[in-house]
Amino acid sequence: MAIRFQYNKTSLQEMNKQLRIRLRALPTLKNKESALRAEVKRAKDYATSLDEKLSAAMAQYNEMVRLWNEFNPRLVVIRDVDLGIKKIAGVRIPILQEIHFEIKPFSLFNQPVWFMDGVMILEKLASIAIEREFYYAKMKLLDHARKKTTQKVNLYEKVQIPGYEEAVIKIKRFLEDEENLSKSSQKILKNRFDQKEVTV
């Protein structure tokens, strides 16, 4: 990206202003990037732990697999999931607050004794699975924001800041050269004027 400028003092002031803005913003962007990187890692670690927790819970109930054929999975329905919003390093992230289940009515007398336990097990497994999916989605959102911030840091560090610095140097050199030429031409004119006075 070539930075457009003119060889005058107004353009020099604008280039200096843009350079200062980017130099001031760069540390903040770097901090945001590192905070997002840490949050992505934290979300990933937690999602992985939820994977393990879900696998362990599923393995624990594998012994009851034959009994699950008798169980009606439609007895437990997810009615609603409450979400909140939290800002992490300037990025709005949804927060899982509560999962609401609806238990369809069933007769305790006509069903096996373990049906109530089955309902609780299903709620537990569904809660873990929902939380796991939620954390994977959170991780993707944070990682996307981190990538965009990294791109901006790289743009500032590798393109814009050096470009504005180069533009400032070019404008200053041009203005100094112009001033030197002006002074030189004034001296030459003065010397010629002085020589004409001496000869007259």
Protein backbone atom coordinates (compact mmCIF):
# COMPACT_ATOMS: atom_id res chain seq x y z
CA MET A 1 0.00 0.00 0.00
CA ALA A 2 1.66 3.17 -1.20
CA ILE A 3 1.04 6.20 0.98
CA ARG A 4 -0.02 9.23 -1.03
CA PHE A 5 1.38 12.57 -0.02
CA GLN A 6 2.37 15.96 -1.39
CA TYR A 7 5.63 17.79 -0.90
CA ASN A 8 4.38 20.59 1.36
CA LYS A 9 4.14 21.45 5.05
CA THR A 10 0.43 20.59 5.30
CA SER A 11 1.10 17.10 3.98
CA LEU A 12 4.06 16.80 6.37
CA GLN A 13 1.80 17.65 9.33
CA GLU A 14 -0.80 15.10 8.16
CA MET A 15 1.84 12.37 7.73
CA ASN A 16 3.26 13.10 11.22
CA LYS A 17 -0.26 12.99 12.68
CA GLN A 18 -1.05 9.63 11.02
CA LEU A 19 2.33 8.24 12.14
CA ARG A 20 1.70 9.30 15.77
CA ILE A 21 -1.79 7.74 15.73
CA ARG A 22 -0.38 4.39 14.56
CA LEU A 23 2.58 4.47 16.94
CA ARG A 24 0.20 5.12 19.85
CA ALA A 25 -2.28 2.43 18.73
CA LEU A 26 0.32 -0.30 18.11
CA PRO A 27 1.03 -1.24 21.77
CA THR A 28 -2.72 -1.39 22.49
CA LEU A 29 -3.27 -3.65 19.48
CA LYS A 30 -0.40 -5.90 20.56
CA ASN A 31 -1.88 -6.17 24.06
CA LYS A 32 -5.30 -6.95 22.57
CA GLU A 33 -3.75 -9.63 20.37
CA SER A 34 -1.96 -11.31 23.28
CA ALA A 35 -5.11 -11.12 25.46
CA LEU A 36 -7.16 -12.71 22.68
CA ARG A 37 -4.51 -15.38 22.16
CA ALA A 38 -4.67 -16.24 25.88
CA GLU A 39 -8.50 -16.33 25.81
CA VAL A 40 -8.49 -18.59 22.74
CA LYS A 41 -6.13 -20.99 24.53
CA ARG A 42 -8.26 -20.89 27.69
CA ALA A 43 -11.47 -21.59 25.71
CA LYS A 44 -9.76 -24.40 23.78
CA ASP A 45 -8.42 -26.00 26.97
CA TYR A 46 -11.83 -25.81 28.62
CA ALA A 47 -13.59 -27.22 25.53
CA THR A 48 -11.07 -30.09 25.47
CA SER A 49 -11.72 -30.78 29.18
CA LEU A 50 -15.46 -30.82 28.42
CA ASP A 51 -14.78 -33.34 25.61
CA GLU A 52 -13.02 -35.56 28.11
CA LYS A 53 -15.78 -35.07 30.68
CA LEU A 54 -18.44 -36.00 28.10
CA SER A 55 -16.50 -39.06 26.97
CA ALA A 56 -16.04 -40.17 30.59
CA ALA A 57 -19.75 -39.65 31.33
CA MET A 58 -20.73 -41.59 28.19
CA ALA A 59 -18.33 -44.41 29.11
CA GLN A 60 -19.78 -44.50 32.63
CA TYR A 61 -23.27 -45.12 31.24
CA ASN A 62 -22.21 -47.59 28.54
CA GLU A 63 -22.99 -50.43 30.92
CA MET A 64 -26.61 -49.34 30.87
CA VAL A 65 -26.81 -49.37 27.08
CA ARG A 66 -29.33 -52.21 26.99
CA LEU A 67 -31.59 -50.34 29.39
CA TRP A 68 -31.57 -47.22 27.19
CA ASN A 69 -33.60 -49.10 24.58
CA GLU A 70 -36.54 -48.91 26.99
CA PHE A 71 -36.02 -45.19 27.64
CA ASN A 72 -37.90 -42.57 25.62
CA PRO A 73 -35.36 -39.80 24.82
CA ARG A 74 -38.22 -37.41 23.95
CA LEU A 75 -39.04 -37.16 27.64
CA VAL A 76 -36.30 -34.56 28.05
CA VAL A 77 -36.46 -31.52 25.78
CA ILE A 78 -34.21 -28.46 25.79
CA ARG A 79 -36.68 -25.61 26.14
CA ASP A 80 -34.30 -22.64 26.18
CA VAL A 81 -30.69 -21.60 26.60
CA ASP A 82 -29.98 -18.27 28.34
CA LEU A 83 -27.04 -16.32 26.98
CA GLY A 84 -25.36 -13.17 28.21
CA ILE A 85 -22.76 -10.94 26.59
CA LYS A 86 -19.28 -10.23 27.89
CA LYS A 87 -16.55 -8.10 26.35
CA ILE A 88 -13.14 -9.71 26.18
CA ALA A 89 -10.41 -7.40 24.86
CA GLY A 90 -13.06 -5.31 23.11
CA VAL A 91 -14.77 -8.30 21.48
CA ARG A 92 -18.39 -9.10 22.37
CA ILE A 93 -18.61 -12.77 23.33
CA PRO A 94 -21.77 -14.67 24.29
CA ILE A 95 -21.73 -16.25 27.75
CA LEU A 96 -23.70 -19.41 28.55
CA GLN A 97 -25.80 -18.68 31.62
CA GLU A 98 -28.41 -21.40 31.99
CA ILE A 99 -29.97 -24.31 30.13
CA HIS A 100 -33.69 -24.88 30.66
CA PHE A 101 -35.00 -28.40 30.24
CA GLU A 102 -38.58 -29.47 29.90
CA ILE A 103 -39.45 -32.92 31.20
CA LYS A 104 -42.50 -34.40 29.53
CA PRO A 105 -44.94 -36.01 31.96
CA PHE A 106 -44.65 -39.77 32.38
CA SER A 107 -46.04 -42.29 34.81
CA LEU A 108 -43.58 -43.39 37.48
CA PHE A 109 -45.73 -46.45 38.15
CA ASN A 110 -45.80 -47.71 34.55
CA GLN A 111 -42.06 -47.12 33.88
CA PRO A 112 -39.00 -48.84 35.31
CA VAL A 113 -37.62 -47.47 38.60
CA TRP A 114 -34.48 -46.06 36.94
CA PHE A 115 -36.43 -43.76 34.54
CA MET A 116 -36.06 -40.73 36.84
CA ASP A 117 -32.30 -41.40 37.00
CA GLY A 118 -32.34 -41.69 33.20
CA VAL A 119 -33.89 -38.23 32.95
CA MET A 120 -31.18 -36.79 35.22
CA ILE A 121 -28.42 -38.58 33.26
CA LEU A 122 -29.80 -37.25 29.97
CA GLU A 123 -29.93 -33.70 31.39
CA LYS A 124 -26.33 -34.01 32.60
CA LEU A 125 -25.05 -35.32 29.25
CA ALA A 126 -26.99 -32.68 27.29
CA SER A 127 -25.65 -29.91 29.55
CA ILE A 128 -22.06 -31.02 29.04
CA ALA A 129 -22.56 -31.36 25.26
CA ILE A 130 -24.19 -27.92 24.95
CA GLU A 131 -21.48 -26.27 27.05
CA ARG A 132 -18.81 -28.01 24.96
CA GLU A 133 -20.35 -26.79 21.68
CA PHE A 134 -20.72 -23.33 23.18
CA TYR A 135 -17.02 -23.18 24.11
CA TYR A 136 -15.97 -24.36 20.65
CA ALA A 137 -18.08 -21.56 19.12
CA LYS A 138 -16.59 -19.06 21.60
CA MET A 139 -13.10 -20.25 20.67
CA LYS A 140 -13.84 -19.71 16.95
CA LEU A 141 -15.16 -16.18 17.58
CA LEU A 142 -12.13 -15.25 19.68
CA ASP A 143 -9.72 -16.79 17.17
CA HIS A 144 -11.35 -14.84 14.33
CA ALA A 145 -10.98 -11.59 16.31
CA ARG A 146 -7.36 -12.50 17.14
CA LYS A 147 -6.56 -13.10 13.46
CA LYS A 148 -8.05 -9.74 12.49
CA THR A 149 -6.06 -8.01 15.25
CA THR A 150 -2.87 -9.79 14.13
CA GLN A 151 -3.50 -8.57 10.57
CA LYS A 152 -3.91 -5.01 11.83
CA VAL A 153 -0.72 -5.24 13.94
CA ASN A 154 1.18 -6.53 10.90
CA LEU A 155 -0.32 -3.82 8.69
CA TYR A 156 0.75 -1.10 11.13
CA GLU A 157 4.17 -2.60 11.92
CA LYS A 158 5.28 -3.72 8.49
CA VAL A 159 3.47 -1.41 6.08
CA GLN A 160 1.93 1.77 7.41
CA ILE A 161 4.41 2.93 10.06
CA PRO A 162 7.46 2.43 7.79
CA GLY A 163 5.49 4.03 4.92
CA TYR A 164 4.60 7.13 6.95
CA GLU A 165 8.15 7.39 8.31
CA GLU A 166 9.51 7.24 4.76
CA ALA A 167 6.97 9.83 3.58
CA VAL A 168 7.94 12.18 6.44
CA ILE A 169 11.64 11.82 5.60
CA LYS A 170 11.02 12.46 1.87
CA ILE A 171 8.89 15.54 2.55
CA LYS A 172 11.44 16.94 5.06
CA ARG A 173 14.31 16.42 2.60
CA PHE A 174 12.33 18.02 -0.19
CA LEU A 175 11.44 21.03 1.97
CA GLU A 176 15.06 21.36 3.17
CA ASP A 177 16.34 21.16 -0.40
CA GLU A 178 13.78 23.73 -1.49
CA GLU A 179 14.79 26.03 1.39
CA ASN A 180 18.51 25.60 0.57
CA LEU A 181 17.85 26.36 -3.11
CA SER A 182 15.87 29.43 -2.12
CA LYS A 183 18.67 30.66 0.16
CA SER A 184 21.27 29.93 -2.50
CA SER A 185 19.32 31.81 -5.15
CA GLN A 186 18.86 34.74 -2.75
CA LYS A 187 22.64 34.84 -2.11
CA ILE A 188 23.37 34.72 -5.83
CA LEU A 189 20.91 37.55 -6.45
CA LYS A 190 22.37 39.55 -3.57
CA ASN A 191 25.90 39.02 -4.85
CA ARG A 192 24.89 40.13 -8.37
CA PHE A 193 23.09 43.13 -6.93
CA ASP A 194 26.16 44.00 -4.84
CA GLN A 195 28.44 43.66 -7.88
CA LYS A 196 26.18 45.98 -9.93
CA GLU A 197 26.32 48.59 -7.16
CA VAL A 198 30.11 48.38 -7.02
CA THR A 199 30.46 48.81 -10.79
CA VAL A 200 28.07 51.75 -10.89
